[in-house]
């Protein structure tokens, strides 16, 4: 079985794991003004409550750093990979062009640009908390959204939310809320759902949603 990959700027990269959801766009392709959601996602993933992503732009990645970022994001989001992403992001913000030797060794096999027709096998570590088979991936997120009074509209596999408000909840002072919300988002990502930012979304607009 061929290793999944995608091509950008004439280079092949390992396919980014879907567990990162829209965060992979902010980290690898283009950093937008909605990066606060990705910042909150990384804070909770790596358990770095003081982490700030300000100043990072995916466009500033060097060629080598971009390969490394793709290698990390091809793994499932865990505490360890979250820490490694933060480590790389901090290096980019600091203007460092060289890549960390420890990270290079850790992701050496994944950092090789994937040539066409090359057969590789990637082994992803499984997420420690699996969703019960009889529970829809949407249920935990919608239940938390109801609890937090977060407006949500679902259209197929697109989940519309105001990401700025969601990011605030990811920074909740209550660890249980942060952890449960993080897990619910991971389950959504892994099931192929995409969080779509609708800044002006309110409960009244959700009730009138088509």
Protein backbone atom coordinates (compact mmCIF):
# COMPACT_ATOMS: atom_id res chain seq x y z
CA UNK A 1 0.00 0.00 0.00
CA UNK A 2 1.43 3.37 -1.00
CA UNK A 3 1.97 5.95 1.70
CA UNK A 4 -0.56 8.77 1.38
CA UNK A 5 1.00 12.02 0.27
CA UNK A 6 0.26 15.39 -1.26
CA UNK A 7 2.25 17.66 -3.51
CA UNK A 8 2.99 21.35 -2.96
CA UNK A 9 5.51 23.59 -4.73
CA UNK A 10 6.81 20.60 -6.67
CA UNK A 11 7.57 18.57 -3.52
CA UNK A 12 5.84 15.56 -1.99
CA UNK A 13 4.93 15.55 1.70
CA UNK A 14 3.39 12.89 3.95
CA UNK A 15 -0.37 13.26 4.20
CA UNK A 16 -1.25 15.36 7.25
CA UNK A 17 -3.23 13.43 9.84
CA UNK A 18 -6.90 14.43 9.86
CA UNK A 19 -6.85 14.60 13.66
CA UNK A 20 -5.30 18.08 13.36
CA UNK A 21 -8.36 19.35 11.51
CA UNK A 22 -8.17 22.99 10.49
CA UNK A 23 -5.11 23.50 12.68
CA UNK A 24 -2.94 21.94 9.98
CA UNK A 25 -3.99 24.72 7.61
CA UNK A 26 -2.87 27.37 10.12
CA UNK A 27 0.40 25.57 10.90
CA UNK A 28 1.48 24.36 7.47
CA UNK A 29 -0.23 26.35 4.70
CA UNK A 30 -1.35 29.82 5.77
CA UNK A 31 -1.72 31.39 9.20
CA UNK A 32 -4.86 33.52 9.41
CA UNK A 33 -6.27 35.90 11.99
CA UNK A 34 -8.16 32.97 13.48
CA UNK A 35 -4.97 31.33 14.77
CA UNK A 36 -6.20 31.72 18.37
CA UNK A 37 -8.21 28.52 17.96
CA UNK A 38 -5.07 26.63 16.89
CA UNK A 39 -3.20 28.25 19.78
CA UNK A 40 -5.82 26.97 22.24
CA UNK A 41 -5.75 23.54 20.60
CA UNK A 42 -1.97 23.31 21.04
CA UNK A 43 -2.10 24.63 24.60
CA UNK A 44 -4.41 21.85 25.67
CA UNK A 45 -2.74 19.16 23.58
CA UNK A 46 0.73 19.86 24.98
CA UNK A 47 -0.58 20.95 28.39
CA UNK A 48 1.23 24.27 28.04
CA UNK A 49 -1.20 26.74 29.59
CA UNK A 50 1.23 29.64 29.08
CA UNK A 51 1.80 28.99 25.36
CA UNK A 52 1.30 31.89 22.94
CA UNK A 53 1.43 31.41 19.16
CA UNK A 54 1.61 35.12 18.38
CA UNK A 55 4.07 36.09 15.65
CA UNK A 56 3.95 32.75 13.84
CA UNK A 57 3.30 32.66 10.10
CA UNK A 58 3.32 29.38 8.18
CA UNK A 59 4.65 31.35 5.23
CA UNK A 60 7.90 31.93 7.19
CA UNK A 61 8.79 28.23 7.32
CA UNK A 62 12.05 27.44 5.53
CA UNK A 63 12.10 24.50 3.11
CA UNK A 64 13.59 22.22 5.79
CA UNK A 65 11.20 23.47 8.48
CA UNK A 66 8.23 22.90 6.18
CA UNK A 67 9.30 19.30 5.64
CA UNK A 68 9.66 18.85 9.39
CA UNK A 69 6.26 20.45 10.08
CA UNK A 70 4.62 18.09 7.58
CA UNK A 71 6.39 15.15 9.19
CA UNK A 72 5.07 16.05 12.64
CA UNK A 73 1.56 16.78 11.37
CA UNK A 74 1.48 13.40 9.61
CA UNK A 75 1.35 11.88 13.11
CA UNK A 76 -1.74 11.83 15.26
CA UNK A 77 -2.11 14.79 17.63
CA UNK A 78 -0.84 13.74 21.05
CA UNK A 79 0.89 15.51 23.92
CA UNK A 80 4.26 14.63 22.39
CA UNK A 81 3.51 15.78 18.85
CA UNK A 82 1.86 18.90 20.25
CA UNK A 83 5.05 19.70 22.13
CA UNK A 84 7.10 19.15 18.96
CA UNK A 85 4.87 21.45 16.91
CA UNK A 86 5.23 24.16 19.57
CA UNK A 87 8.99 23.67 19.57
CA UNK A 88 9.12 24.19 15.81
CA UNK A 89 6.71 27.13 15.88
CA UNK A 90 8.81 28.84 18.56
CA UNK A 91 11.93 28.39 16.41
CA UNK A 92 10.17 30.00 13.43
CA UNK A 93 8.98 32.93 15.55
CA UNK A 94 12.54 33.41 16.84
CA UNK A 95 13.81 33.59 13.26
CA UNK A 96 15.84 30.39 13.53
CA UNK A 97 16.31 28.79 10.11
CA UNK A 98 18.07 25.59 11.18
CA UNK A 99 15.96 22.69 12.40
CA UNK A 100 16.40 21.10 15.79
CA UNK A 101 18.71 18.05 15.64
CA UNK A 102 16.58 16.10 18.10
CA UNK A 103 13.41 16.70 16.07
CA UNK A 104 15.24 15.87 12.85
CA UNK A 105 16.33 12.51 14.26
CA UNK A 106 12.87 11.78 15.69
CA UNK A 107 11.09 12.39 12.37
CA UNK A 108 13.90 11.38 10.02
CA UNK A 109 11.92 8.69 8.18
CA UNK A 110 8.92 10.95 7.69
CA UNK A 111 11.00 13.91 6.58
CA UNK A 112 12.12 12.19 3.40
CA UNK A 113 10.22 13.84 0.55
CA UNK A 114 7.98 11.15 -0.87
CA UNK A 115 8.85 10.30 -4.49
CA UNK A 116 6.15 9.04 -6.83
CA UNK A 117 5.45 5.30 -6.81
CA UNK A 118 7.47 4.85 -3.62
CA UNK A 119 6.00 2.40 -1.15
CA UNK A 120 6.35 3.39 2.48
CA UNK A 121 4.51 2.43 5.62
CA UNK A 122 3.73 4.83 8.42
CA UNK A 123 2.85 3.70 11.89
CA UNK A 124 0.70 6.15 13.81
CA UNK A 125 0.29 5.84 17.55
CA UNK A 126 -3.34 5.35 18.49
CA UNK A 127 -5.17 7.94 20.53
CA UNK A 128 -5.52 6.72 24.13
CA UNK A 129 -9.23 7.62 24.38
CA UNK A 130 -11.48 5.98 21.82
CA UNK A 131 -15.04 7.04 21.16
CA UNK A 132 -17.54 4.27 22.02
CA UNK A 133 -18.88 2.59 18.90
CA UNK A 134 -22.50 3.45 19.74
CA UNK A 135 -21.77 7.19 20.10
CA UNK A 136 -21.81 9.59 17.15
CA UNK A 137 -18.64 11.74 16.87
CA UNK A 138 -20.91 14.79 16.98
CA UNK A 139 -22.59 13.96 20.27
CA UNK A 140 -19.80 14.88 22.74
CA UNK A 141 -19.11 18.19 20.97
CA UNK A 142 -22.78 19.15 20.70
CA UNK A 143 -23.37 18.25 24.35
CA UNK A 144 -20.47 20.48 25.45
CA UNK A 145 -21.61 23.25 23.11
CA UNK A 146 -25.05 23.13 24.77
CA UNK A 147 -23.45 23.24 28.22
CA UNK A 148 -21.21 26.16 27.26
CA UNK A 149 -23.97 27.94 25.32
CA UNK A 150 -21.80 27.85 22.22
CA UNK A 151 -23.85 28.26 19.01
CA UNK A 152 -23.29 25.40 16.56
CA UNK A 153 -24.82 24.57 13.19
CA UNK A 154 -24.12 21.27 11.44
CA UNK A 155 -24.36 20.91 7.69
CA UNK A 156 -23.17 17.47 6.60
CA UNK A 157 -19.55 17.16 7.74
CA UNK A 158 -19.19 20.91 8.20
CA UNK A 159 -19.59 22.17 11.78
CA UNK A 160 -20.14 25.93 11.89
CA UNK A 161 -19.00 27.71 15.06
CA UNK A 162 -17.58 31.11 16.03
CA UNK A 163 -13.95 30.02 16.44
CA UNK A 164 -13.07 33.03 18.59
CA UNK A 165 -15.65 31.93 21.18
CA UNK A 166 -14.54 28.31 20.91
CA UNK A 167 -10.93 29.38 21.54
CA UNK A 168 -12.05 31.17 24.71
CA UNK A 169 -13.61 27.94 26.00
CA UNK A 170 -10.40 26.06 25.17
CA UNK A 171 -8.76 28.49 27.61
CA UNK A 172 -11.35 27.82 30.31
CA UNK A 173 -10.00 27.95 33.89
CA UNK A 174 -11.69 24.59 34.47
CA UNK A 175 -9.36 21.70 33.45
CA UNK A 176 -12.26 19.29 32.97
CA UNK A 177 -13.93 21.55 30.44
CA UNK A 178 -10.65 22.11 28.58
CA UNK A 179 -9.89 18.39 28.47
CA UNK A 180 -13.39 17.29 27.45
CA UNK A 181 -13.62 19.95 24.75
CA UNK A 182 -10.20 19.05 23.38
CA UNK A 183 -11.18 15.38 23.20
CA UNK A 184 -14.51 16.18 21.54
CA UNK A 185 -12.74 18.25 18.90
CA UNK A 186 -10.24 15.44 18.24
CA UNK A 187 -13.09 12.97 17.75
CA UNK A 188 -14.69 15.36 15.26
CA UNK A 189 -11.44 15.76 13.33
CA UNK A 190 -10.78 12.03 13.23
CA UNK A 191 -14.31 11.36 11.95
CA UNK A 192 -13.76 13.75 9.05
CA UNK A 193 -15.73 16.73 10.36
CA UNK A 194 -14.42 20.23 9.67
CA UNK A 195 -14.85 23.20 11.99
CA UNK A 196 -15.90 26.21 9.93
CA UNK A 197 -15.61 29.71 11.36
CA UNK A 198 -18.83 31.77 11.32
CA UNK A 199 -17.92 34.76 13.55
CA UNK A 200 -21.44 36.19 13.59
CA UNK A 201 -23.19 32.90 14.44
CA UNK A 202 -25.68 33.20 17.33
CA UNK A 203 -28.31 30.89 18.80
CA UNK A 204 -31.10 32.79 17.06
CA UNK A 205 -29.32 32.40 13.72
CA UNK A 206 -28.82 28.68 14.40
CA UNK A 207 -32.58 28.31 14.92
CA UNK A 208 -33.16 29.86 11.50
CA UNK A 209 -30.35 27.93 9.84
CA UNK A 210 -31.17 26.28 6.51
